[in-house]
Amino acid sequence: MKTDNYCTNCDEYKTDKELVNYKCNICNEYVLSKFSTSNGDKAIKRILASEVEANDMITIPYTDDFRRVLGISYNETEALIGLQEYRRIKIRLNSRVEKLEGAWYL
C-alpha cells in the first residue's frame, strides 16, 4: 500500500523517514496519511490506542472498515474499545490505531 503523508500544521508533504512516531519531525503534530480502502482513499492519523476518544472513527483491526467509538475503558496495559455495530476490541495502549479524519484530497 502506497502511503503519502501530509502535515497540515507545516503545510507540507513528509516522507516516512521524516516522521517520528507518525508525527512531523518539525512541529511534532500527527500527520495525515493516505489510507486506501475499497470505498476510496481516506485521510487518517495513526494515533496510540491510549489517545482514542469517544466518537472517533477508527478501523476495525486488520480491515479497512471504519466504525464509531461508543466507549472506552482502560486497564494498565490495554484499552477495551466499544465500536458501533460491532463488538468491543482489545488493543494494547502502545499500539497504533487508524483514526479517520476525512477523504484524501491532497
PDB file of N, CA and C in Angstrom:
ATOM      1  N   MET A   1       0.841  -1.172   0.000  1.00  0.00           N
ATOM      2  CA  MET A   1       0.000   0.000   0.000  1.00  0.00           C
ATOM      3  C   MET A   1       0.891   1.241   0.000  1.00  0.00           C
ATOM      4  N   LYS A   2       0.666   2.116  -0.962  1.00  0.00           N
ATOM      5  CA  LYS A   2       1.421   3.359  -1.033  1.00  0.00           C
ATOM      6  C   LYS A   2       0.875   4.335   0.011  1.00  0.00           C
ATOM      7  N   THR A   3       1.758   4.942   0.751  1.00  0.00           N
ATOM      8  CA  THR A   3       1.345   5.895   1.776  1.00  0.00           C
ATOM      9  C   THR A   3       1.935   7.260   1.486  1.00  0.00           C
ATOM     10  N   ASP A   4       1.095   8.255   1.491  1.00  0.00           N
ATOM     11  CA  ASP A   4       1.516   9.646   1.405  1.00  0.00           C
ATOM     12  C   ASP A   4       1.233  10.275   2.757  1.00  0.00           C
ATOM     13  N   ASN A   5       2.074  11.188   3.166  1.00  0.00           N
ATOM     14  CA  ASN A   5       1.924  11.850   4.468  1.00  0.00           C
ATOM     15  C   ASN A   5       1.941  13.358   4.274  1.00  0.00           C
ATOM     16  N   TYR A   6       1.064  14.042   5.006  1.00  0.00           N
ATOM     17  CA  TYR A   6       0.963  15.491   4.874  1.00  0.00           C
ATOM     18  C   TYR A   6       0.779  16.118   6.249  1.00  0.00           C
ATOM     19  N   CYS A   7       1.602  17.098   6.561  1.00  0.00           N
ATOM     20  CA  CYS A   7       1.475  17.837   7.813  1.00  0.00           C
ATOM     21  C   CYS A   7       0.640  19.086   7.543  1.00  0.00           C
ATOM     22  N   THR A   8      -0.544  19.130   8.131  1.00  0.00           N
ATOM     23  CA  THR A   8      -1.406  20.295   7.928  1.00  0.00           C
ATOM     24  C   THR A   8      -0.882  21.516   8.681  1.00  0.00           C
ATOM     25  N   ASN A   9      -0.167  21.287   9.773  1.00  0.00           N
ATOM     26  CA  ASN A   9       0.380  22.385  10.559  1.00  0.00           C
ATOM     27  C   ASN A   9       1.506  23.103   9.796  1.00  0.00           C
ATOM     28  N   CYS A  10       2.407  22.326   9.191  1.00  0.00           N
ATOM     29  CA  CYS A  10       3.530  22.896   8.435  1.00  0.00           C
ATOM     30  C   CYS A  10       3.181  23.122   6.961  1.00  0.00           C
ATOM     31  N   ASP A  11       2.034  22.593   6.525  1.00  0.00           N
ATOM     32  CA  ASP A  11       1.574  22.714   5.144  1.00  0.00           C
ATOM     33  C   ASP A  11       2.585  22.143   4.153  1.00  0.00           C
ATOM     34  N   GLU A  12       3.043  20.900   4.440  1.00  0.00           N
ATOM     35  CA  GLU A  12       3.987  20.256   3.527  1.00  0.00           C
ATOM     36  C   GLU A  12       3.910  18.740   3.629  1.00  0.00           C
ATOM     37  N   TYR A  13       4.261  18.102   2.518  1.00  0.00           N
ATOM     38  CA  TYR A  13       4.313  16.647   2.467  1.00  0.00           C
ATOM     39  C   TYR A  13       5.549  16.150   3.202  1.00  0.00           C
ATOM     40  N   LYS A  14       5.435  14.941   3.766  1.00  0.00           N
ATOM     41  CA  LYS A  14       6.536  14.332   4.515  1.00  0.00           C
ATOM     42  C   LYS A  14       6.780  12.918   3.996  1.00  0.00           C
ATOM     43  N   THR A  15       8.028  12.523   3.956  1.00  0.00           N
ATOM     44  CA  THR A  15       8.354  11.135   3.653  1.00  0.00           C
ATOM     45  C   THR A  15       8.256  10.331   4.941  1.00  0.00           C
ATOM     46  N   ASP A  16       8.190   9.017   4.818  1.00  0.00           N
ATOM     47  CA  ASP A  16       8.151   8.167   6.015  1.00  0.00           C
ATOM     48  C   ASP A  16       9.379   8.391   6.885  1.00  0.00           C
ATOM     49  N   LYS A  17      10.517   8.671   6.265  1.00  0.00           N
ATOM     50  CA  LYS A  17      11.759   8.885   7.019  1.00  0.00           C
ATOM     51  C   LYS A  17      11.739  10.179   7.819  1.00  0.00           C
ATOM     52  N   GLU A  18      10.891  11.117   7.429  1.00  0.00           N
ATOM     53  CA  GLU A  18      10.803  12.397   8.141  1.00  0.00           C
ATOM     54  C   GLU A  18       9.848  12.341   9.339  1.00  0.00           C
ATOM     55  N   LEU A  19       9.159  11.226   9.503  1.00  0.00           N
ATOM     56  CA  LEU A  19       8.204  11.094  10.601  1.00  0.00           C
ATOM     57  C   LEU A  19       8.859  10.481  11.827  1.00  0.00           C
ATOM     58  N   VAL A  20       8.417  10.920  12.979  1.00  0.00           N
ATOM     59  CA  VAL A  20       8.845  10.352  14.251  1.00  0.00           C
ATOM     60  C   VAL A  20       7.570   9.891  14.962  1.00  0.00           C
ATOM     61  N   ASN A  21       7.371   8.568  15.019  1.00  0.00           N
ATOM     62  CA  ASN A  21       6.141   8.013  15.604  1.00  0.00           C
ATOM     63  C   ASN A  21       4.883   8.581  14.943  1.00  0.00           C
ATOM     64  N   TYR A  22       4.913   8.681  13.620  1.00  0.00           N
ATOM     65  CA  TYR A  22       3.805   9.184  12.799  1.00  0.00           C
ATOM     66  C   TYR A  22       3.512  10.659  13.042  1.00  0.00           C
ATOM     67  N   LYS A  23       4.489  11.364  13.607  1.00  0.00           N
ATOM     68  CA  LYS A  23       4.361  12.800  13.817  1.00  0.00           C
ATOM     69  C   LYS A  23       5.398  13.529  12.964  1.00  0.00           C
ATOM     70  N   CYS A  24       5.103  14.782  12.672  1.00  0.00           N
ATOM     71  CA  CYS A  24       6.007  15.631  11.903  1.00  0.00           C
ATOM     72  C   CYS A  24       7.308  15.841  12.683  1.00  0.00           C
ATOM     73  N   ASN A  25       8.416  15.757  11.978  1.00  0.00           N
ATOM     74  CA  ASN A  25       9.717  15.947  12.616  1.00  0.00           C
ATOM     75  C   ASN A  25       9.991  17.408  12.962  1.00  0.00           C
ATOM     76  N   ILE A  26       9.166  18.334  12.489  1.00  0.00           N
ATOM     77  CA  ILE A  26       9.369  19.762  12.770  1.00  0.00           C
ATOM     78  C   ILE A  26       8.441  20.251  13.880  1.00  0.00           C
ATOM     79  N   CYS A  27       7.123  20.018  13.731  1.00  0.00           N
ATOM     80  CA  CYS A  27       6.157  20.570  14.688  1.00  0.00           C
ATOM     81  C   CYS A  27       5.653  19.550  15.718  1.00  0.00           C
ATOM     82  N   ASN A  28       5.972  18.282  15.525  1.00  0.00           N
ATOM     83  CA  ASN A  28       5.597  17.204  16.441  1.00  0.00           C
ATOM     84  C   ASN A  28       4.086  16.944  16.491  1.00  0.00           C
ATOM     85  N   GLU A  29       3.349  17.324  15.448  1.00  0.00           N
ATOM     86  CA  GLU A  29       1.918  17.028  15.346  1.00  0.00           C
ATOM     87  C   GLU A  29       1.732  15.796  14.464  1.00  0.00           C
ATOM     88  N   TYR A  30       0.652  15.031  14.715  1.00  0.00           N
ATOM     89  CA  TYR A  30       0.357  13.890  13.849  1.00  0.00           C
ATOM     90  C   TYR A  30       0.124  14.381  12.426  1.00  0.00           C
ATOM     91  N   VAL A  31       0.626  13.621  11.460  1.00  0.00           N
ATOM     92  CA  VAL A  31       0.411  13.947  10.053  1.00  0.00           C
ATOM     93  C   VAL A  31      -0.794  13.182   9.537  1.00  0.00           C
ATOM     94  N   LEU A  32      -1.389  13.682   8.464  1.00  0.00           N
ATOM     95  CA  LEU A  32      -2.413  12.935   7.753  1.00  0.00           C
ATOM     96  C   LEU A  32      -1.709  11.935   6.856  1.00  0.00           C
ATOM     97  N   SER A  33      -2.204  10.722   6.819  1.00  0.00           N
ATOM     98  CA  SER A  33      -1.648   9.695   5.954  1.00  0.00           C
ATOM     99  C   SER A  33      -2.740   9.184   5.037  1.00  0.00           C
ATOM    100  N   LYS A  34      -2.361   8.875   3.799  1.00  0.00           N
ATOM    101  CA  LYS A  34      -3.301   8.325   2.831  1.00  0.00           C
ATOM    102  C   LYS A  34      -3.527   6.858   3.160  1.00  0.00           C
ATOM    103  N   PHE A  35      -4.796   6.452   3.228  1.00  0.00           N
ATOM    104  CA  PHE A  35      -5.187   5.085   3.573  1.00  0.00           C
ATOM    105  C   PHE A  35      -6.170   4.629   2.502  1.00  0.00           C
ATOM    106  N   SER A  36      -5.746   3.697   1.662  1.00  0.00           N
ATOM    107  CA  SER A  36      -6.598   3.223   0.571  1.00  0.00           C
ATOM    108  C   SER A  36      -7.576   2.166   1.067  1.00  0.00           C
ATOM    109  N   THR A  37      -8.858   2.366   0.752  1.00  0.00           N
ATOM    110  CA  THR A  37      -9.896   1.422   1.142  1.00  0.00           C
ATOM    111  C   THR A  37     -10.708   1.033  -0.088  1.00  0.00           C
ATOM    112  N   SER A  38     -11.596   0.083   0.091  1.00  0.00           N
ATOM    113  CA  SER A  38     -12.472  -0.324  -1.007  1.00  0.00           C
ATOM    114  C   SER A  38     -13.469   0.781  -1.355  1.00  0.00           C
ATOM    115  N   ASN A  39     -13.623   1.770  -0.472  1.00  0.00           N
ATOM    116  CA  ASN A  39     -14.525   2.904  -0.706  1.00  0.00           C
ATOM    117  C   ASN A  39     -13.775   4.179  -1.053  1.00  0.00           C
ATOM    118  N   GLY A  40     -12.539   4.063  -1.521  1.00  0.00           N
ATOM    119  CA  GLY A  40     -11.754   5.240  -1.890  1.00  0.00           C
ATOM    120  C   GLY A  40     -10.680   5.553  -0.875  1.00  0.00           C
ATOM    121  N   ASP A  41      -9.880   6.547  -1.202  1.00  0.00           N
ATOM    122  CA  ASP A  41      -8.775   6.935  -0.334  1.00  0.00           C
ATOM    123  C   ASP A  41      -9.270   7.816   0.807  1.00  0.00           C
ATOM    124  N   LYS A  42      -8.771   7.544   2.002  1.00  0.00           N
ATOM    125  CA  LYS A  42      -9.149   8.283   3.205  1.00  0.00           C
ATOM    126  C   LYS A  42      -7.922   8.952   3.809  1.00  0.00           C
ATOM    127  N   ALA A  43      -8.130  10.016   4.562  1.00  0.00           N
ATOM    128  CA  ALA A  43      -7.070  10.669   5.326  1.00  0.00           C
ATOM    129  C   ALA A  43      -7.199  10.203   6.770  1.00  0.00           C
ATOM    130  N   ILE A  44      -6.118   9.645   7.296  1.00  0.00           N
ATOM    131  CA  ILE A  44      -6.137   9.127   8.659  1.00  0.00           C
ATOM    132  C   ILE A  44      -4.973   9.688   9.458  1.00  0.00           C
ATOM    133  N   LYS A  45      -5.079   9.550  10.767  1.00  0.00           N
ATOM    134  CA  LYS A  45      -3.956   9.770  11.673  1.00  0.00           C
ATOM    135  C   LYS A  45      -3.726   8.457  12.395  1.00  0.00           C
ATOM    136  N   ARG A  46      -2.481   8.050  12.508  1.00  0.00           N
ATOM    137  CA  ARG A  46      -2.135   6.823  13.231  1.00  0.00           C
ATOM    138  C   ARG A  46      -1.788   7.202  14.673  1.00  0.00           C
ATOM    139  N   ILE A  47      -2.790   7.098  15.534  1.00  0.00           N
ATOM    140  CA  ILE A  47      -2.637   7.528  16.923  1.00  0.00           C
ATOM    141  C   ILE A  47      -2.469   6.307  17.831  1.00  0.00           C
ATOM    142  N   LEU A  48      -2.034   6.549  19.050  1.00  0.00           N
ATOM    143  CA  LEU A  48      -1.935   5.476  20.034  1.00  0.00           C
ATOM    144  C   LEU A  48      -3.333   5.108  20.538  1.00  0.00           C
ATOM    145  N   ALA A  49      -3.509   3.841  20.884  1.00  0.00           N
ATOM    146  CA  ALA A  49      -4.794   3.403  21.428  1.00  0.00           C
ATOM    147  C   ALA A  49      -5.149   4.203  22.684  1.00  0.00           C
ATOM    148  N   SER A  50      -4.149   4.630  23.432  1.00  0.00           N
ATOM    149  CA  SER A  50      -4.394   5.421  24.643  1.00  0.00           C
ATOM    150  C   SER A  50      -4.940   6.820  24.329  1.00  0.00           C
ATOM    151  N   GLU A  51      -4.903   7.235  23.060  1.00  0.00           N
ATOM    152  CA  GLU A  51      -5.378   8.564  22.656  1.00  0.00           C
ATOM    153  C   GLU A  51      -6.762   8.539  22.006  1.00  0.00           C
ATOM    154  N   VAL A  52      -7.335   7.348  21.834  1.00  0.00           N
ATOM    155  CA  VAL A  52      -8.655   7.221  21.224  1.00  0.00           C
ATOM    156  C   VAL A  52      -9.703   7.824  22.153  1.00  0.00           C
ATOM    157  N   GLU A  53     -10.673   8.528  21.557  1.00  0.00           N
ATOM    158  CA  GLU A  53     -11.747   9.156  22.328  1.00  0.00           C
ATOM    159  C   GLU A  53     -13.103   8.702  21.791  1.00  0.00           C
ATOM    160  N   ALA A  54     -14.129   8.822  22.618  1.00  0.00           N
ATOM    161  CA  ALA A  54     -15.490   8.519  22.178  1.00  0.00           C
ATOM    162  C   ALA A  54     -15.825   9.358  20.956  1.00  0.00           C
ATOM    163  N   ASN A  55     -16.544   8.775  20.028  1.00  0.00           N
ATOM    164  CA  ASN A  55     -16.986   9.374  18.764  1.00  0.00           C
ATOM    165  C   ASN A  55     -15.913   9.431  17.693  1.00  0.00           C
ATOM    166  N   ASP A  56     -14.673   9.048  17.998  1.00  0.00           N
ATOM    167  CA  ASP A  56     -13.674   8.905  16.930  1.00  0.00           C
ATOM    168  C   ASP A  56     -14.143   7.801  15.993  1.00  0.00           C
ATOM    169  N   MET A  57     -13.739   7.895  14.744  1.00  0.00           N
ATOM    170  CA  MET A  57     -13.979   6.827  13.769  1.00  0.00           C
ATOM    171  C   MET A  57     -12.643   6.122  13.575  1.00  0.00           C
ATOM    172  N   ILE A  58     -12.588   4.826  13.910  1.00  0.00           N
ATOM    173  CA  ILE A  58     -11.345   4.065  13.785  1.00  0.00           C
ATOM    174  C   ILE A  58     -11.601   2.797  12.974  1.00  0.00           C
ATOM    175  N   THR A  59     -10.523   2.194  12.480  1.00  0.00           N
ATOM    176  CA  THR A  59     -10.679   0.954  11.728  1.00  0.00           C
ATOM    177  C   THR A  59     -10.842  -0.228  12.671  1.00  0.00           C
ATOM    178  N   ILE A  60     -11.605  -1.193  12.206  1.00  0.00           N
ATOM    179  CA  ILE A  60     -11.618  -2.492  12.857  1.00  0.00           C
ATOM    180  C   ILE A  60     -10.269  -3.109  12.511  1.00  0.00           C
ATOM    181  N   PRO A  61      -9.521  -3.632  13.489  1.00  0.00           N
ATOM    182  CA  PRO A  61      -8.184  -4.166  13.196  1.00  0.00           C
ATOM    183  C   PRO A  61      -8.172  -5.143  12.014  1.00  0.00           C
ATOM    184  N   TYR A  62      -7.167  -4.982  11.176  1.00  0.00           N
ATOM    185  CA  TYR A  62      -6.916  -5.832  10.002  1.00  0.00           C
ATOM    186  C   TYR A  62      -7.957  -5.686   8.900  1.00  0.00           C
ATOM    187  N   THR A  63      -8.702  -4.583   8.912  1.00  0.00           N
ATOM    188  CA  THR A  63      -9.677  -4.320   7.852  1.00  0.00           C
ATOM    189  C   THR A  63      -9.527  -2.863   7.416  1.00  0.00           C
ATOM    190  N   ASP A  64     -10.329  -2.467   6.419  1.00  0.00           N
ATOM    191  CA  ASP A  64     -10.383  -1.054   6.044  1.00  0.00           C
ATOM    192  C   ASP A  64     -11.769  -0.480   6.362  1.00  0.00           C
ATOM    193  N   ASP A  65     -12.456  -1.099   7.313  1.00  0.00           N
ATOM    194  CA  ASP A  65     -13.802  -0.722   7.716  1.00  0.00           C
ATOM    195  C   ASP A  65     -13.737   0.177   8.956  1.00  0.00           C
ATOM    196  N   PHE A  66     -14.264   1.402   8.855  1.00  0.00           N
ATOM    197  CA  PHE A  66     -14.250   2.348   9.971  1.00  0.00           C
ATOM    198  C   PHE A  66     -15.547   2.258  10.770  1.00  0.00           C
ATOM    199  N   ARG A  67     -15.424   2.353  12.092  1.00  0.00           N
ATOM    200  CA  ARG A  67     -16.583   2.350  12.993  1.00  0.00           C
ATOM    201  C   ARG A  67     -16.410   3.424  14.057  1.00  0.00           C
ATOM    202  N   ARG A  68     -17.538   3.961  14.512  1.00  0.00           N
ATOM    203  CA  ARG A  68     -17.539   4.991  15.558  1.00  0.00           C
ATOM    204  C   ARG A  68     -17.271   4.348  16.921  1.00  0.00           C
ATOM    205  N   VAL A  69     -16.440   5.023  17.715  1.00  0.00           N
ATOM    206  CA  VAL A  69     -16.145   4.565  19.072  1.00  0.00           C
ATOM    207  C   VAL A  69     -17.289   4.999  19.981  1.00  0.00           C
ATOM    208  N   LEU A  70     -17.903   4.013  20.634  1.00  0.00           N
ATOM    209  CA  LEU A  70     -19.012   4.303  21.543  1.00  0.00           C
ATOM    210  C   LEU A  70     -18.550   4.525  22.967  1.00  0.00           C
ATOM    211  N   GLY A  71     -17.503   3.817  23.362  1.00  0.00           N
ATOM    212  CA  GLY A  71     -16.993   3.955  24.716  1.00  0.00           C
ATOM    213  C   GLY A  71     -15.665   3.242  24.860  1.00  0.00           C
ATOM    214  N   ILE A  72     -14.922   3.625  25.885  1.00  0.00           N
ATOM    215  CA  ILE A  72     -13.585   3.076  26.104  1.00  0.00           C
ATOM    216  C   ILE A  72     -13.398   2.848  27.596  1.00  0.00           C
ATOM    217  N   SER A  73     -12.782   1.721  27.922  1.00  0.00           N
ATOM    218  CA  SER A  73     -12.324   1.508  29.292  1.00  0.00           C
ATOM    219  C   SER A  73     -10.872   1.051  29.215  1.00  0.00           C
ATOM    220  N   TYR A  74     -10.131   1.351  30.252  1.00  0.00           N
ATOM    221  CA  TYR A  74      -8.690   1.082  30.256  1.00  0.00           C
ATOM    222  C   TYR A  74      -8.309   0.230  31.451  1.00  0.00           C
ATOM    223  N   ASN A  75      -7.259  -0.565  31.261  1.00  0.00           N
ATOM    224  CA  ASN A  75      -6.566  -1.145  32.394  1.00  0.00           C
ATOM    225  C   ASN A  75      -5.115  -0.710  32.254  1.00  0.00           C
ATOM    226  N   GLU A  76      -4.215  -1.333  32.945  1.00  0.00           N
ATOM    227  CA  GLU A  76      -2.817  -0.871  32.933  1.00  0.00           C
ATOM    228  C   GLU A  76      -2.136  -1.024  31.574  1.00  0.00           C
ATOM    229  N   THR A  77      -2.573  -1.986  30.759  1.00  0.00           N
ATOM    230  CA  THR A  77      -1.863  -2.258  29.501  1.00  0.00           C
ATOM    231  C   THR A  77      -2.731  -2.213  28.259  1.00  0.00           C
ATOM    232  N   GLU A  78      -4.071  -2.233  28.421  1.00  0.00           N
ATOM    233  CA  GLU A  78      -4.954  -2.331  27.261  1.00  0.00           C
ATOM    234  C   GLU A  78      -6.124  -1.361  27.331  1.00  0.00           C
ATOM    235  N   ALA A  79      -6.643  -1.059  26.132  1.00  0.00           N
ATOM    236  CA  ALA A  79      -7.890  -0.323  26.019  1.00  0.00           C
ATOM    237  C   ALA A  79      -8.944  -1.293  25.511  1.00  0.00           C
ATOM    238  N   LEU A  80     -10.124  -1.243  26.085  1.00  0.00           N
ATOM    239  CA  LEU A  80     -11.263  -2.013  25.613  1.00  0.00           C
ATOM    240  C   LEU A  80     -12.192  -1.003  24.961  1.00  0.00           C
ATOM    241  N   ILE A  81     -12.296  -1.095  23.621  1.00  0.00           N
ATOM    242  CA  ILE A  81     -12.991  -0.076  22.840  1.00  0.00           C
ATOM    243  C   ILE A  81     -14.265  -0.669  22.248  1.00  0.00           C
ATOM    244  N   GLY A  82     -15.407  -0.062  22.586  1.00  0.00           N
ATOM    245  CA  GLY A  82     -16.692  -0.478  22.026  1.00  0.00           C
ATOM    246  C   GLY A  82     -16.944   0.250  20.726  1.00  0.00           C
ATOM    247  N   LEU A  83     -17.233  -0.518  19.659  1.00  0.00           N
ATOM    248  CA  LEU A  83     -17.442   0.061  18.339  1.00  0.00           C
ATOM    249  C   LEU A  83     -18.898  -0.093  17.896  1.00  0.00           C
ATOM    250  N   GLN A  84     -19.415   0.921  17.239  1.00  0.00           N
ATOM    251  CA  GLN A  84     -20.789   0.923  16.746  1.00  0.00           C
ATOM    252  C   GLN A  84     -21.003  -0.228  15.761  1.00  0.00           C
ATOM    253  N   GLU A  85     -22.118  -0.933  15.912  1.00  0.00           N
ATOM    254  CA  GLU A  85     -22.492  -2.045  15.037  1.00  0.00           C
ATOM    255  C   GLU A  85     -21.383  -3.086  14.918  1.00  0.00           C
ATOM    256  N   TYR A  86     -20.647  -3.270  15.982  1.00  0.00           N
ATOM    257  CA  TYR A  86     -19.594  -4.270  16.039  1.00  0.00           C
ATOM    258  C   TYR A  86     -19.521  -4.742  17.472  1.00  0.00           C
ATOM    259  N   ARG A  87     -18.374  -5.100  17.924  1.00  0.00           N
ATOM    260  CA  ARG A  87     -18.192  -5.577  19.289  1.00  0.00           C
ATOM    261  C   ARG A  87     -17.105  -4.747  19.947  1.00  0.00           C
ATOM    262  N   ARG A  88     -16.748  -5.114  21.136  1.00  0.00           N
ATOM    263  CA  ARG A  88     -15.612  -4.469  21.799  1.00  0.00           C
ATOM    264  C   ARG A  88     -14.326  -5.109  21.285  1.00  0.00           C
ATOM    265  N   ILE A  89     -13.309  -4.293  21.146  1.00  0.00           N
ATOM    266  CA  ILE A  89     -11.996  -4.804  20.753  1.00  0.00           C
ATOM    267  C   ILE A  89     -10.978  -4.427  21.825  1.00  0.00           C
ATOM    268  N   LYS A  90     -10.015  -5.302  22.031  1.00  0.00           N
ATOM    269  CA  LYS A  90      -8.925  -5.051  22.985  1.00  0.00           C
ATOM    270  C   LYS A  90      -7.698  -4.654  22.196  1.00  0.00           C
ATOM    271  N   ILE A  91      -7.082  -3.544  22.587  1.00  0.00           N
ATOM    272  CA  ILE A  91      -5.872  -3.065  21.928  1.00  0.00           C
ATOM    273  C   ILE A  91      -4.886  -2.616  22.994  1.00  0.00           C
ATOM    274  N   ARG A  92      -3.630  -2.998  22.843  1.00  0.00           N
ATOM    275  CA  ARG A  92      -2.598  -2.528  23.776  1.00  0.00           C
ATOM    276  C   ARG A  92      -2.502  -1.012  23.704  1.00  0.00           C
ATOM    277  N   LEU A  93      -2.277  -0.380  24.835  1.00  0.00           N
ATOM    278  CA  LEU A  93      -2.239   1.085  24.899  1.00  0.00           C
ATOM    279  C   LEU A  93      -1.160   1.691  24.015  1.00  0.00           C
ATOM    280  N   ASN A  94      -0.068   0.961  23.797  1.00  0.00           N
ATOM    281  CA  ASN A  94       1.027   1.497  22.977  1.00  0.00           C
ATOM    282  C   ASN A  94       0.927   1.070  21.517  1.00  0.00           C
ATOM    283  N   SER A  95      -0.192   0.463  21.111  1.00  0.00           N
ATOM    284  CA  SER A  95      -0.408   0.084  19.712  1.00  0.00           C
ATOM    285  C   SER A  95      -1.032   1.247  18.953  1.00  0.00           C
ATOM    286  N   ARG A  96      -0.842   1.241  17.644  1.00  0.00           N
ATOM    287  CA  ARG A  96      -1.390   2.293  16.778  1.00  0.00           C
ATOM    288  C   ARG A  96      -2.778   1.929  16.267  1.00  0.00           C
ATOM    289  N   VAL A  97      -3.601   2.962  16.121  1.00  0.00           N
ATOM    290  CA  VAL A  97      -4.964   2.831  15.617  1.00  0.00           C
ATOM    291  C   VAL A  97      -5.119   3.832  14.476  1.00  0.00           C
ATOM    292  N   GLU A  98      -5.814   3.421  13.403  1.00  0.00           N
ATOM    293  CA  GLU A  98      -6.071   4.338  12.293  1.00  0.00           C
ATOM    294  C   GLU A  98      -7.358   5.115  12.580  1.00  0.00           C
ATOM    295  N   LYS A  99      -7.206   6.425  12.785  1.00  0.00           N
ATOM    296  CA  LYS A  99      -8.339   7.303  13.080  1.00  0.00           C
ATOM    297  C   LYS A  99      -8.706   8.089  11.820  1.00  0.00           C
ATOM    298  N   LEU A 100      -9.957   7.991  11.407  1.00  0.00           N
ATOM    299  CA  LEU A 100     -10.429   8.661  10.199  1.00  0.00           C
ATOM    300  C   LEU A 100     -10.500  10.172  10.418  1.00  0.00           C
ATOM    301  N   GLU A 101      -9.935  10.918   9.483  1.00  0.00           N
ATOM    302  CA  GLU A 101     -10.008  12.384   9.516  1.00  0.00           C
ATOM    303  C   GLU A 101     -10.852  12.928   8.363  1.00  0.00           C
ATOM    304  N   GLY A 102     -11.085  12.126   7.332  1.00  0.00           N
ATOM    305  CA  GLY A 102     -11.889  12.560   6.178  1.00  0.00           C
ATOM    306  C   GLY A 102     -11.383  11.896   4.908  1.00  0.00           C
ATOM    307  N   ALA A 103     -11.829  12.426   3.772  1.00  0.00           N
ATOM    308  CA  ALA A 103     -11.384  11.907   2.484  1.00  0.00           C
ATOM    309  C   ALA A 103      -9.993  12.433   2.158  1.00  0.00           C
ATOM    310  N   TRP A 104      -9.228  11.663   1.392  1.00  0.00           N
ATOM    311  CA  TRP A 104      -7.910  12.111   0.952  1.00  0.00           C
ATOM    312  C   TRP A 104      -8.105  12.950  -0.296  1.00  0.00           C
ATOM    313  N   TYR A 105      -7.813  14.209  -0.203  1.00  0.00           N
ATOM    314  CA  TYR A 105      -7.998  15.135  -1.327  1.00  0.00           C
ATOM    315  C   TYR A 105      -6.735  15.897  -1.668  1.00  0.00           C
ATOM    316  N   LEU A 106      -5.635  15.591  -0.996  1.00  0.00           N
ATOM    317  CA  LEU A 106      -4.402  16.351  -1.181  1.00  0.00           C
ATOM    318  C   LEU A 106      -3.661  15.906  -2.413  1.00  0.00           C
TER     319      LEU A 106
END
